[in-house]
Amino acid sequence: MGVFVFLPLVLPLTAWPIARLAEHHLHPRTATWLLTGVAAVLAVCSTLCLALLMVVGTAQLPGNPLPDGWSDPEVREAVPYDEVAGKAAIPALLAVIAACTSAAWRHHRVRRRSGRALSGLPATAVAVLPDDVPYAYALPGGRRDRVVVSTGMLAALTSRERRALFAHERAHLAGRHHRFLLAVQLAARANPFLRPLRSAVTYTAERWADEDAAATVGSRRTVAVAIGRAALISRGTPLATLAGIAAAGPVPRRVAALLGPAPAGRNWPPAFTAVGLAVWGAAAGTTASALSSANSAVTLYFILHAATL
């Protein structure tokens, strides 16, 4: 295994440049897909790294249920860093599992409770709640996706702004943006170095919906005004993995982007630009992380398999 087993823990640092540049230089749809994919692969690789180290650490603990050959001195020589890193990986992996389970369960619980709260309303695509508190968000429900909005929010917007709001929330549902948000939330829980990617995807997913809403409404300025007004009065969404027009984040940047020209539809930036180099750097880091994890897993398998013979 050697030092390669530790690389997936730090290789997420290679994605930091693209997390910063993708927000400004890539189309929001492309940036969301790219950043989420990179974050997911890097999170899986770093978690696998901890799992491999945990196996090594567990094998050295007295009274473990593993085969005796796994704690043989020859195995210890073939698997370095077992005394410290192997044992430290045990609580680290347990913490990762607990954090990811908690985030996934909270997302499921909020969606289920919200669905139950709306069960008595007509089965329409838009659920208007009689509430003076202004809020609006997209509630995915499989075959029954719904836009949830309060009467307080509708009263604060003009008719054109309401149209922009509904177009924005429908864009979230059509793009399944809650899946991207949940994926990066779990990735950031698995490896703290991936938090910049979580913040970037939170922004690019909203920008993706902003652009789709602008195309539907036919006025980028109307969408920008609706976002600004909704953000000023709204309390946001009930959960970070549920998208909404006034979701927490850099709202002034979203408004400024809408008041400017529409983003280019280019899917991949030129190689010899800052964003192009950042993309290739993130791709190289992700590939190296995957190869390191695979190499460590295969090596550990053969070492432990030989120890049981």
C-alpha atoms as a PDB file:
ATOM      1  CA  MET A   1       0.000   0.000   0.000  1.00  0.00           C
ATOM      2  CA  GLY A   2       2.646   2.495   1.032  1.00  0.00           C
ATOM      3  CA  VAL A   3       2.047   6.193   0.885  1.00  0.00           C
ATOM      4  CA  PHE A   4      -0.458   5.778  -1.949  1.00  0.00           C
ATOM      5  CA  VAL A   5      -3.192   4.911   0.538  1.00  0.00           C
ATOM      6  CA  PHE A   6      -3.001   8.427   1.988  1.00  0.00           C
ATOM      7  CA  LEU A   7      -3.228  10.311  -1.316  1.00  0.00           C
ATOM      8  CA  PRO A   8      -7.044  10.195  -1.626  1.00  0.00           C
ATOM      9  CA  LEU A   9      -7.289  12.057   1.682  1.00  0.00           C
ATOM     10  CA  VAL A  10      -5.485  15.128   0.344  1.00  0.00           C
ATOM     11  CA  LEU A  11      -6.085  15.003  -3.419  1.00  0.00           C
ATOM     12  CA  PRO A  12      -9.395  16.916  -3.029  1.00  0.00           C
ATOM     13  CA  LEU A  13      -7.137  19.961  -2.736  1.00  0.00           C
ATOM     14  CA  THR A  14      -6.555  19.674  -6.503  1.00  0.00           C
ATOM     15  CA  ALA A  15     -10.223  20.553  -7.065  1.00  0.00           C
ATOM     16  CA  TRP A  16     -10.122  23.854  -5.195  1.00  0.00           C
ATOM     17  CA  PRO A  17      -9.092  25.951  -8.244  1.00  0.00           C
ATOM     18  CA  ILE A  18     -11.939  24.632 -10.391  1.00  0.00           C
ATOM     19  CA  ALA A  19     -14.392  25.140  -7.520  1.00  0.00           C
ATOM     20  CA  ARG A  20     -13.557  28.850  -7.644  1.00  0.00           C
ATOM     21  CA  LEU A  21     -13.274  29.297 -11.401  1.00  0.00           C
ATOM     22  CA  ALA A  22     -16.203  27.149 -12.562  1.00  0.00           C
ATOM     23  CA  GLU A  23     -18.692  29.533 -10.949  1.00  0.00           C
ATOM     24  CA  HIS A  24     -17.614  32.336 -13.289  1.00  0.00           C
ATOM     25  CA  HIS A  25     -16.324  30.670 -16.447  1.00  0.00           C
ATOM     26  CA  LEU A  26     -18.515  27.616 -17.067  1.00  0.00           C
ATOM     27  CA  HIS A  27     -22.195  27.374 -17.853  1.00  0.00           C
ATOM     28  CA  PRO A  28     -24.012  26.683 -14.550  1.00  0.00           C
ATOM     29  CA  ARG A  29     -25.339  23.365 -15.821  1.00  0.00           C
ATOM     30  CA  THR A  30     -21.875  22.184 -16.865  1.00  0.00           C
ATOM     31  CA  ALA A  31     -20.308  23.452 -13.626  1.00  0.00           C
ATOM     32  CA  THR A  32     -22.906  21.659 -11.488  1.00  0.00           C
ATOM     33  CA  TRP A  33     -22.386  18.330 -13.228  1.00  0.00           C
ATOM     34  CA  LEU A  34     -18.593  18.648 -13.231  1.00  0.00           C
ATOM     35  CA  LEU A  35     -18.184  19.717  -9.611  1.00  0.00           C
ATOM     36  CA  THR A  36     -20.665  17.156  -8.303  1.00  0.00           C
ATOM     37  CA  GLY A  37     -18.995  14.337 -10.212  1.00  0.00           C
ATOM     38  CA  VAL A  38     -15.533  15.322  -8.996  1.00  0.00           C
ATOM     39  CA  ALA A  39     -16.746  15.676  -5.401  1.00  0.00           C
ATOM     40  CA  ALA A  40     -18.513  12.308  -5.450  1.00  0.00           C
ATOM     41  CA  VAL A  41     -15.505  10.398  -6.812  1.00  0.00           C
ATOM     42  CA  LEU A  42     -13.054  12.074  -4.445  1.00  0.00           C
ATOM     43  CA  ALA A  43     -15.341  11.424  -1.466  1.00  0.00           C
ATOM     44  CA  VAL A  44     -15.715   7.741  -2.315  1.00  0.00           C
ATOM     45  CA  CYS A  45     -11.950   7.358  -2.747  1.00  0.00           C
ATOM     46  CA  SER A  46     -11.115   9.059   0.548  1.00  0.00           C
ATOM     47  CA  THR A  47     -13.709   6.965   2.376  1.00  0.00           C
ATOM     48  CA  LEU A  48     -12.267   3.812   0.823  1.00  0.00           C
ATOM     49  CA  CYS A  49      -8.839   4.957   2.000  1.00  0.00           C
ATOM     50  CA  LEU A  50     -10.104   5.194   5.571  1.00  0.00           C
ATOM     51  CA  ALA A  51     -11.757   1.792   5.262  1.00  0.00           C
ATOM     52  CA  LEU A  52      -8.497   0.193   4.119  1.00  0.00           C
ATOM     53  CA  LEU A  53      -6.586   1.824   6.951  1.00  0.00           C
ATOM     54  CA  MET A  54      -9.283   0.708   9.380  1.00  0.00           C
ATOM     55  CA  VAL A  55      -8.802  -2.907   8.299  1.00  0.00           C
ATOM     56  CA  VAL A  56      -5.088  -2.552   8.976  1.00  0.00           C
ATOM     57  CA  GLY A  57      -5.689  -0.932  12.358  1.00  0.00           C
ATOM     58  CA  THR A  58      -8.337  -3.434  13.400  1.00  0.00           C
ATOM     59  CA  ALA A  59      -6.038  -6.345  12.583  1.00  0.00           C
ATOM     60  CA  GLN A  60      -3.531  -5.084  15.143  1.00  0.00           C
ATOM     61  CA  LEU A  61      -6.009  -4.753  18.007  1.00  0.00           C
ATOM     62  CA  PRO A  62      -5.953  -7.562  20.589  1.00  0.00           C
ATOM     63  CA  GLY A  63      -8.988  -9.800  20.603  1.00  0.00           C
ATOM     64  CA  ASN A  64     -10.115  -8.872  17.070  1.00  0.00           C
ATOM     65  CA  PRO A  65     -12.188 -11.481  15.202  1.00  0.00           C
ATOM     66  CA  LEU A  66      -9.928 -11.390  12.149  1.00  0.00           C
ATOM     67  CA  PRO A  67      -7.635 -14.288  11.177  1.00  0.00           C
ATOM     68  CA  ASP A  68      -4.468 -14.477  13.269  1.00  0.00           C
ATOM     69  CA  GLY A  69      -2.313 -14.237  10.172  1.00  0.00           C
ATOM     70  CA  TRP A  70      -3.473 -10.653   9.584  1.00  0.00           C
ATOM     71  CA  SER A  71      -1.538  -9.467  12.654  1.00  0.00           C
ATOM     72  CA  ASP A  72       1.601 -11.429  11.748  1.00  0.00           C
ATOM     73  CA  PRO A  73       4.874  -9.403  11.946  1.00  0.00           C
ATOM     74  CA  GLU A  74       5.488 -10.013   8.231  1.00  0.00           C
ATOM     75  CA  VAL A  75       2.132  -8.440   7.430  1.00  0.00           C
ATOM     76  CA  ARG A  76       3.034  -5.440   9.576  1.00  0.00           C
ATOM     77  CA  GLU A  77       6.229  -4.993   7.588  1.00  0.00           C
ATOM     78  CA  ALA A  78       4.329  -5.188   4.301  1.00  0.00           C
ATOM     79  CA  VAL A  79       1.700  -2.702   5.487  1.00  0.00           C
ATOM     80  CA  PRO A  80       3.419   0.422   6.844  1.00  0.00           C
ATOM     81  CA  TYR A  81       1.917   2.972   9.222  1.00  0.00           C
ATOM     82  CA  ASP A  82      -0.299   0.340  10.849  1.00  0.00           C
ATOM     83  CA  GLU A  83       0.446   1.363  14.441  1.00  0.00           C
ATOM     84  CA  VAL A  84      -0.771   4.955  14.248  1.00  0.00           C
ATOM     85  CA  ALA A  85      -2.678   5.624  11.044  1.00  0.00           C
ATOM     86  CA  GLY A  86      -4.449   2.274  11.046  1.00  0.00           C
ATOM     87  CA  LYS A  87      -5.869   2.748  14.518  1.00  0.00           C
ATOM     88  CA  ALA A  88      -6.630   6.444  14.002  1.00  0.00           C
ATOM     89  CA  ALA A  89      -8.656   5.549  10.900  1.00  0.00           C
ATOM     90  CA  ILE A  90     -11.147   3.564  12.990  1.00  0.00           C
ATOM     91  CA  PRO A  91     -12.784   6.537  14.777  1.00  0.00           C
ATOM     92  CA  ALA A  92     -12.325   8.689  11.662  1.00  0.00           C
ATOM     93  CA  LEU A  93     -14.292   6.272   9.492  1.00  0.00           C
ATOM     94  CA  LEU A  94     -16.975   5.877  12.135  1.00  0.00           C
ATOM     95  CA  ALA A  95     -17.307   9.682  12.269  1.00  0.00           C
ATOM     96  CA  VAL A  96     -17.658   9.852   8.475  1.00  0.00           C
ATOM     97  CA  ILE A  97     -20.331   7.152   8.460  1.00  0.00           C
ATOM     98  CA  ALA A  98     -22.233   8.863  11.263  1.00  0.00           C
ATOM     99  CA  ALA A  99     -22.064  12.287   9.587  1.00  0.00           C
ATOM    100  CA  CYS A 100     -23.179  11.016   6.182  1.00  0.00           C
ATOM    101  CA  THR A 101     -25.970   8.917   7.690  1.00  0.00           C
ATOM    102  CA  SER A 102     -27.207  11.904   9.684  1.00  0.00           C
ATOM    103  CA  ALA A 103     -27.239  14.169   6.603  1.00  0.00           C
ATOM    104  CA  ALA A 104     -29.029  11.586   4.450  1.00  0.00           C
ATOM    105  CA  TRP A 105     -31.580  10.815   7.160  1.00  0.00           C
ATOM    106  CA  ARG A 106     -32.315  14.493   7.765  1.00  0.00           C
ATOM    107  CA  HIS A 107     -32.883  15.034   4.038  1.00  0.00           C
ATOM    108  CA  HIS A 108     -35.256  12.066   3.903  1.00  0.00           C
ATOM    109  CA  ARG A 109     -37.067  13.116   7.082  1.00  0.00           C
ATOM    110  CA  VAL A 110     -37.672  16.699   5.920  1.00  0.00           C
ATOM    111  CA  ARG A 111     -38.940  15.518   2.537  1.00  0.00           C
ATOM    112  CA  ARG A 112     -41.264  12.998   4.196  1.00  0.00           C
ATOM    113  CA  ARG A 113     -42.618  15.494   6.727  1.00  0.00           C
ATOM    114  CA  SER A 114     -43.160  18.116   4.043  1.00  0.00           C
ATOM    115  CA  GLY A 115     -44.984  15.601   1.888  1.00  0.00           C
ATOM    116  CA  ARG A 116     -47.222  14.632   4.788  1.00  0.00           C
ATOM    117  CA  ALA A 117     -47.990  18.271   5.561  1.00  0.00           C
ATOM    118  CA  LEU A 118     -49.178  18.760   1.975  1.00  0.00           C
ATOM    119  CA  SER A 119     -51.158  15.531   1.754  1.00  0.00           C
ATOM    120  CA  GLY A 120     -54.450  17.265   2.547  1.00  0.00           C
ATOM    121  CA  LEU A 121     -54.066  19.833  -0.240  1.00  0.00           C
ATOM    122  CA  PRO A 122     -55.257  19.362  -3.837  1.00  0.00           C
ATOM    123  CA  ALA A 123     -52.881  17.244  -5.939  1.00  0.00           C
ATOM    124  CA  THR A 124     -51.624  20.171  -8.009  1.00  0.00           C
ATOM    125  CA  ALA A 125     -48.107  21.019  -9.149  1.00  0.00           C
ATOM    126  CA  VAL A 126     -48.126  24.113  -6.922  1.00  0.00           C
ATOM    127  CA  ALA A 127     -48.988  23.990  -3.224  1.00  0.00           C
ATOM    128  CA  VAL A 128     -49.955  27.405  -1.846  1.00  0.00           C
ATOM    129  CA  LEU A 129     -49.863  27.482   1.947  1.00  0.00           C
ATOM    130  CA  PRO A 130     -51.836  30.127   3.886  1.00  0.00           C
ATOM    131  CA  ASP A 131     -48.859  31.531   5.744  1.00  0.00           C
ATOM    132  CA  ASP A 132     -47.794  35.144   6.173  1.00  0.00           C
ATOM    133  CA  VAL A 133     -44.163  34.061   6.446  1.00  0.00           C
ATOM    134  CA  PRO A 134     -42.674  34.359   2.927  1.00  0.00           C
ATOM    135  CA  TYR A 135     -40.941  31.260   1.538  1.00  0.00           C
ATOM    136  CA  ALA A 136     -40.819  29.159  -1.603  1.00  0.00           C
ATOM    137  CA  TYR A 137     -38.939  26.004  -2.473  1.00  0.00           C
ATOM    138  CA  ALA A 138     -39.010  22.963  -4.743  1.00  0.00           C
ATOM    139  CA  LEU A 139     -40.143  19.756  -3.029  1.00  0.00           C
ATOM    140  CA  PRO A 140     -39.178  16.624  -5.018  1.00  0.00           C
ATOM    141  CA  GLY A 141     -41.531  13.727  -4.661  1.00  0.00           C
ATOM    142  CA  GLY A 142     -40.740  11.316  -7.455  1.00  0.00           C
ATOM    143  CA  ARG A 143     -43.893  11.212  -9.547  1.00  0.00           C
ATOM    144  CA  ARG A 144     -45.386  14.083  -7.579  1.00  0.00           C
ATOM    145  CA  ASP A 145     -42.943  16.957  -7.555  1.00  0.00           C
ATOM    146  CA  ARG A 146     -44.405  20.157  -6.155  1.00  0.00           C
ATOM    147  CA  VAL A 147     -43.559  23.809  -5.806  1.00  0.00           C
ATOM    148  CA  VAL A 148     -44.308  24.954  -2.258  1.00  0.00           C
ATOM    149  CA  VAL A 149     -45.003  28.662  -1.801  1.00  0.00           C
ATOM    150  CA  SER A 150     -46.643  30.704   0.917  1.00  0.00           C
ATOM    151  CA  THR A 151     -49.264  33.387   0.472  1.00  0.00           C
ATOM    152  CA  GLY A 152     -46.838  35.787   2.153  1.00  0.00           C
ATOM    153  CA  MET A 153     -44.322  35.258  -0.649  1.00  0.00           C
ATOM    154  CA  LEU A 154     -46.911  35.623  -3.403  1.00  0.00           C
ATOM    155  CA  ALA A 155     -48.249  38.851  -1.888  1.00  0.00           C
ATOM    156  CA  ALA A 156     -44.777  40.405  -1.962  1.00  0.00           C
ATOM    157  CA  LEU A 157     -44.203  39.782  -5.687  1.00  0.00           C
ATOM    158  CA  THR A 158     -45.726  41.194  -8.839  1.00  0.00           C
ATOM    159  CA  SER A 159     -47.389  38.930 -11.380  1.00  0.00           C
ATOM    160  CA  ARG A 160     -44.265  38.804 -13.576  1.00  0.00           C
ATOM    161  CA  GLU A 161     -42.093  38.098 -10.555  1.00  0.00           C
ATOM    162  CA  ARG A 162     -44.400  35.280  -9.505  1.00  0.00           C
ATOM    163  CA  ARG A 163     -44.010  33.773 -12.949  1.00  0.00           C
ATOM    164  CA  ALA A 164     -40.242  33.998 -12.549  1.00  0.00           C
ATOM    165  CA  LEU A 165     -40.478  32.335  -9.133  1.00  0.00           C
ATOM    166  CA  PHE A 166     -42.511  29.403 -10.445  1.00  0.00           C
ATOM    167  CA  ALA A 167     -40.207  29.016 -13.454  1.00  0.00           C
ATOM    168  CA  HIS A 168     -37.201  28.955 -11.128  1.00  0.00           C
ATOM    169  CA  GLU A 169     -38.657  26.301  -8.835  1.00  0.00           C
ATOM    170  CA  ARG A 170     -39.824  24.158 -11.752  1.00  0.00           C
ATOM    171  CA  ALA A 171     -36.306  24.330 -13.178  1.00  0.00           C
ATOM    172  CA  HIS A 172     -35.003  22.921  -9.892  1.00  0.00           C
ATOM    173  CA  LEU A 173     -37.429  20.023 -10.111  1.00  0.00           C
ATOM    174  CA  ALA A 174     -36.796  19.349 -13.792  1.00  0.00           C
ATOM    175  CA  GLY A 175     -33.037  19.331 -13.261  1.00  0.00           C
ATOM    176  CA  ARG A 176     -33.284  17.151 -10.111  1.00  0.00           C
ATOM    177  CA  HIS A 177     -31.062  19.669  -8.365  1.00  0.00           C
ATOM    178  CA  HIS A 178     -31.759  18.173  -4.950  1.00  0.00           C
ATOM    179  CA  ARG A 179     -29.683  15.157  -5.984  1.00  0.00           C
ATOM    180  CA  PHE A 180     -26.662  17.324  -6.755  1.00  0.00           C
ATOM    181  CA  LEU A 181     -27.052  19.204  -3.486  1.00  0.00           C
ATOM    182  CA  LEU A 182     -27.384  16.012  -1.465  1.00  0.00           C
ATOM    183  CA  ALA A 183     -24.367  14.448  -3.192  1.00  0.00           C
ATOM    184  CA  VAL A 184     -22.070  17.366  -2.392  1.00  0.00           C
ATOM    185  CA  GLN A 185     -23.409  17.572   1.153  1.00  0.00           C
ATOM    186  CA  LEU A 186     -22.463  13.942   1.709  1.00  0.00           C
ATOM    187  CA  ALA A 187     -19.102  14.464   0.003  1.00  0.00           C
ATOM    188  CA  ALA A 188     -18.276  17.390   2.285  1.00  0.00           C
ATOM    189  CA  ARG A 189     -19.190  15.263   5.308  1.00  0.00           C
ATOM    190  CA  ALA A 190     -16.897  12.491   4.053  1.00  0.00           C
ATOM    191  CA  ASN A 191     -13.928  14.802   3.500  1.00  0.00           C
ATOM    192  CA  PRO A 192     -13.781  18.396   4.825  1.00  0.00           C
ATOM    193  CA  PHE A 193     -11.455  19.346   1.946  1.00  0.00           C
ATOM    194  CA  LEU A 194     -14.500  19.056  -0.337  1.00  0.00           C
ATOM    195  CA  ARG A 195     -16.436  21.866   1.343  1.00  0.00           C
ATOM    196  CA  PRO A 196     -15.444  24.437  -1.324  1.00  0.00           C
ATOM    197  CA  LEU A 197     -17.063  22.193  -3.935  1.00  0.00           C
ATOM    198  CA  ARG A 198     -20.232  21.994  -1.828  1.00  0.00           C
ATOM    199  CA  SER A 199     -20.434  25.788  -1.680  1.00  0.00           C
ATOM    200  CA  ALA A 200     -19.759  26.056  -5.411  1.00  0.00           C
ATOM    201  CA  VAL A 201     -22.476  23.553  -6.355  1.00  0.00           C
ATOM    202  CA  THR A 202     -24.977  25.308  -4.081  1.00  0.00           C
ATOM    203  CA  TYR A 203     -24.319  28.446  -6.131  1.00  0.00           C
ATOM    204  CA  THR A 204     -24.171  26.864  -9.602  1.00  0.00           C
ATOM    205  CA  ALA A 205     -27.383  24.889  -9.060  1.00  0.00           C
ATOM    206  CA  GLU A 206     -29.191  28.134  -8.260  1.00  0.00           C
ATOM    207  CA  ARG A 207     -27.584  29.829 -11.264  1.00  0.00           C
ATOM    208  CA  TRP A 208     -28.710  26.917 -13.438  1.00  0.00           C
ATOM    209  CA  ALA A 209     -32.309  27.457 -12.306  1.00  0.00           C
ATOM    210  CA  ASP A 210     -31.893  31.229 -12.720  1.00  0.00           C
ATOM    211  CA  GLU A 211     -30.901  30.847 -16.371  1.00  0.00           C
ATOM    212  CA  ASP A 212     -33.676  28.367 -17.113  1.00  0.00           C
ATOM    213  CA  ALA A 213     -36.192  30.715 -15.496  1.00  0.00           C
ATOM    214  CA  ALA A 214     -34.862  33.658 -17.509  1.00  0.00           C
ATOM    215  CA  ALA A 215     -35.285  31.655 -20.720  1.00  0.00           C
ATOM    216  CA  THR A 216     -38.855  30.756 -19.737  1.00  0.00           C
ATOM    217  CA  VAL A 217     -39.887  34.244 -18.658  1.00  0.00           C
ATOM    218  CA  GLY A 218     -38.001  35.986 -21.444  1.00  0.00           C
ATOM    219  CA  SER A 219     -36.522  38.651 -19.161  1.00  0.00           C
ATOM    220  CA  ARG A 220     -33.321  38.260 -17.209  1.00  0.00           C
ATOM    221  CA  ARG A 221     -34.046  41.474 -15.325  1.00  0.00           C
ATOM    222  CA  THR A 222     -37.419  40.213 -14.083  1.00  0.00           C
ATOM    223  CA  VAL A 223     -35.810  37.079 -12.675  1.00  0.00           C
ATOM    224  CA  ALA A 224     -33.059  39.153 -11.064  1.00  0.00           C
ATOM    225  CA  VAL A 225     -35.599  41.428  -9.375  1.00  0.00           C
ATOM    226  CA  ALA A 226     -37.658  38.448  -8.198  1.00  0.00           C
ATOM    227  CA  ILE A 227     -34.574  36.797  -6.687  1.00  0.00           C
ATOM    228  CA  GLY A 228     -33.482  39.968  -4.927  1.00  0.00           C
ATOM    229  CA  ARG A 229     -36.911  40.685  -3.508  1.00  0.00           C
ATOM    230  CA  ALA A 230     -37.508  37.090  -2.421  1.00  0.00           C
ATOM    231  CA  ALA A 231     -34.095  36.918  -0.728  1.00  0.00           C
ATOM    232  CA  LEU A 232     -34.788  40.092   1.245  1.00  0.00           C
ATOM    233  CA  ILE A 233     -38.009  38.796   2.772  1.00  0.00           C
ATOM    234  CA  SER A 234     -37.635  35.014   2.777  1.00  0.00           C
ATOM    235  CA  ARG A 235     -36.318  32.750   5.501  1.00  0.00           C
ATOM    236  CA  GLY A 236     -34.871  30.391   2.865  1.00  0.00           C
ATOM    237  CA  THR A 237     -35.471  26.686   2.385  1.00  0.00           C
ATOM    238  CA  PRO A 238     -36.112  24.216   5.210  1.00  0.00           C
ATOM    239  CA  LEU A 239     -32.954  22.261   4.333  1.00  0.00           C
ATOM    240  CA  ALA A 240     -29.735  22.907   2.421  1.00  0.00           C
ATOM    241  CA  THR A 241     -30.448  19.995   0.076  1.00  0.00           C
ATOM    242  CA  LEU A 242     -33.797  21.488  -1.007  1.00  0.00           C
ATOM    243  CA  ALA A 243     -33.431  24.208  -3.627  1.00  0.00           C
ATOM    244  CA  GLY A 244     -35.334  27.469  -3.666  1.00  0.00           C
ATOM    245  CA  ILE A 245     -35.227  30.889  -5.273  1.00  0.00           C
ATOM    246  CA  ALA A 246     -34.067  32.499  -2.013  1.00  0.00           C
ATOM    247  CA  ALA A 247     -31.698  29.714  -0.973  1.00  0.00           C
ATOM    248  CA  ALA A 248     -28.808  30.686   1.248  1.00  0.00           C
ATOM    249  CA  GLY A 249     -25.796  31.836  -0.755  1.00  0.00           C
ATOM    250  CA  PRO A 250     -24.330  34.762  -2.669  1.00  0.00           C
ATOM    251  CA  VAL A 251     -27.597  36.281  -3.891  1.00  0.00           C
ATOM    252  CA  PRO A 252     -25.918  39.557  -5.026  1.00  0.00           C
ATOM    253  CA  ARG A 253     -23.675  37.547  -7.356  1.00  0.00           C
ATOM    254  CA  ARG A 254     -26.674  35.755  -8.818  1.00  0.00           C
ATOM    255  CA  VAL A 255     -28.458  39.047  -9.416  1.00  0.00           C
ATOM    256  CA  ALA A 256     -25.346  40.590 -10.990  1.00  0.00           C
ATOM    257  CA  ALA A 257     -24.949  37.571 -13.289  1.00  0.00           C
ATOM    258  CA  LEU A 258     -28.548  37.893 -14.467  1.00  0.00           C
ATOM    259  CA  LEU A 259     -28.119  41.592 -15.164  1.00  0.00           C
ATOM    260  CA  GLY A 260     -25.147  40.731 -17.378  1.00  0.00           C
ATOM    261  CA  PRO A 261     -25.029  38.707 -20.607  1.00  0.00           C
ATOM    262  CA  ALA A 262     -26.173  35.102 -20.695  1.00  0.00           C
ATOM    263  CA  PRO A 263     -23.402  32.541 -20.108  1.00  0.00           C
ATOM    264  CA  ALA A 264     -21.855  30.851 -23.115  1.00  0.00           C
ATOM    265  CA  GLY A 265     -23.098  27.393 -23.910  1.00  0.00           C
ATOM    266  CA  ARG A 266     -19.593  25.947 -24.320  1.00  0.00           C
ATOM    267  CA  ASN A 267     -19.423  22.648 -22.455  1.00  0.00           C
ATOM    268  CA  TRP A 268     -15.624  22.413 -22.110  1.00  0.00           C
ATOM    269  CA  PRO A 269     -13.251  25.375 -21.745  1.00  0.00           C
ATOM    270  CA  PRO A 270     -10.107  25.780 -23.875  1.00  0.00           C
ATOM    271  CA  ALA A 271      -7.183  23.862 -22.407  1.00  0.00           C
ATOM    272  CA  PHE A 272      -4.711  26.726 -22.161  1.00  0.00           C
ATOM    273  CA  THR A 273      -6.802  29.048 -20.020  1.00  0.00           C
ATOM    274  CA  ALA A 274      -7.016  29.371 -16.253  1.00  0.00           C
ATOM    275  CA  VAL A 275     -10.320  27.521 -16.061  1.00  0.00           C
ATOM    276  CA  GLY A 276      -9.152  24.929 -18.586  1.00  0.00           C
ATOM    277  CA  LEU A 277      -6.016  24.191 -16.587  1.00  0.00           C
ATOM    278  CA  ALA A 278      -8.113  24.027 -13.410  1.00  0.00           C
ATOM    279  CA  VAL A 279     -10.446  21.496 -15.034  1.00  0.00           C
ATOM    280  CA  TRP A 280      -7.540  19.324 -16.131  1.00  0.00           C
ATOM    281  CA  GLY A 281      -5.964  19.654 -12.689  1.00  0.00           C
ATOM    282  CA  ALA A 282      -9.163  18.470 -11.017  1.00  0.00           C
ATOM    283  CA  ALA A 283      -9.476  15.640 -13.538  1.00  0.00           C
ATOM    284  CA  ALA A 284      -5.882  14.587 -12.880  1.00  0.00           C
ATOM    285  CA  GLY A 285      -6.405  14.710  -9.117  1.00  0.00           C
ATOM    286  CA  THR A 286      -9.605  12.689  -9.365  1.00  0.00           C
ATOM    287  CA  THR A 287      -7.941  10.090 -11.603  1.00  0.00           C
ATOM    288  CA  ALA A 288      -4.931   9.846  -9.302  1.00  0.00           C
ATOM    289  CA  SER A 289      -7.247   9.405  -6.314  1.00  0.00           C
ATOM    290  CA  ALA A 290      -9.142   6.598  -8.029  1.00  0.00           C
ATOM    291  CA  LEU A 291      -5.944   4.840  -9.105  1.00  0.00           C
ATOM    292  CA  SER A 292      -4.404   5.187  -5.654  1.00  0.00           C
ATOM    293  CA  SER A 293      -7.497   3.738  -4.008  1.00  0.00           C
ATOM    294  CA  ALA A 294      -7.621   0.849  -6.461  1.00  0.00           C
ATOM    295  CA  ASN A 295      -3.907   0.164  -6.040  1.00  0.00           C
ATOM    296  CA  SER A 296      -4.172   0.178  -2.239  1.00  0.00           C
ATOM    297  CA  ALA A 297      -7.265  -2.031  -2.221  1.00  0.00           C
ATOM    298  CA  VAL A 298      -5.718  -4.623  -4.540  1.00  0.00           C
ATOM    299  CA  THR A 299      -2.409  -4.605  -2.639  1.00  0.00           C
ATOM    300  CA  LEU A 300      -4.096  -5.020   0.738  1.00  0.00           C
ATOM    301  CA  TYR A 301      -6.259  -7.808  -0.625  1.00  0.00           C
ATOM    302  CA  PHE A 302      -3.274  -9.827  -1.820  1.00  0.00           C
ATOM    303  CA  ILE A 303      -1.326  -9.199   1.401  1.00  0.00           C
ATOM    304  CA  LEU A 304      -4.158 -10.314   3.647  1.00  0.00           C
ATOM    305  CA  HIS A 305      -5.105 -13.180   1.354  1.00  0.00           C
ATOM    306  CA  ALA A 306      -1.537 -14.463   1.505  1.00  0.00           C
ATOM    307  CA  ALA A 307      -1.568 -14.106   5.305  1.00  0.00           C
ATOM    308  CA  THR A 308      -4.537 -16.431   5.615  1.00  0.00           C
ATOM    309  CA  LEU A 309      -2.955 -19.259   3.618  1.00  0.00           C
END
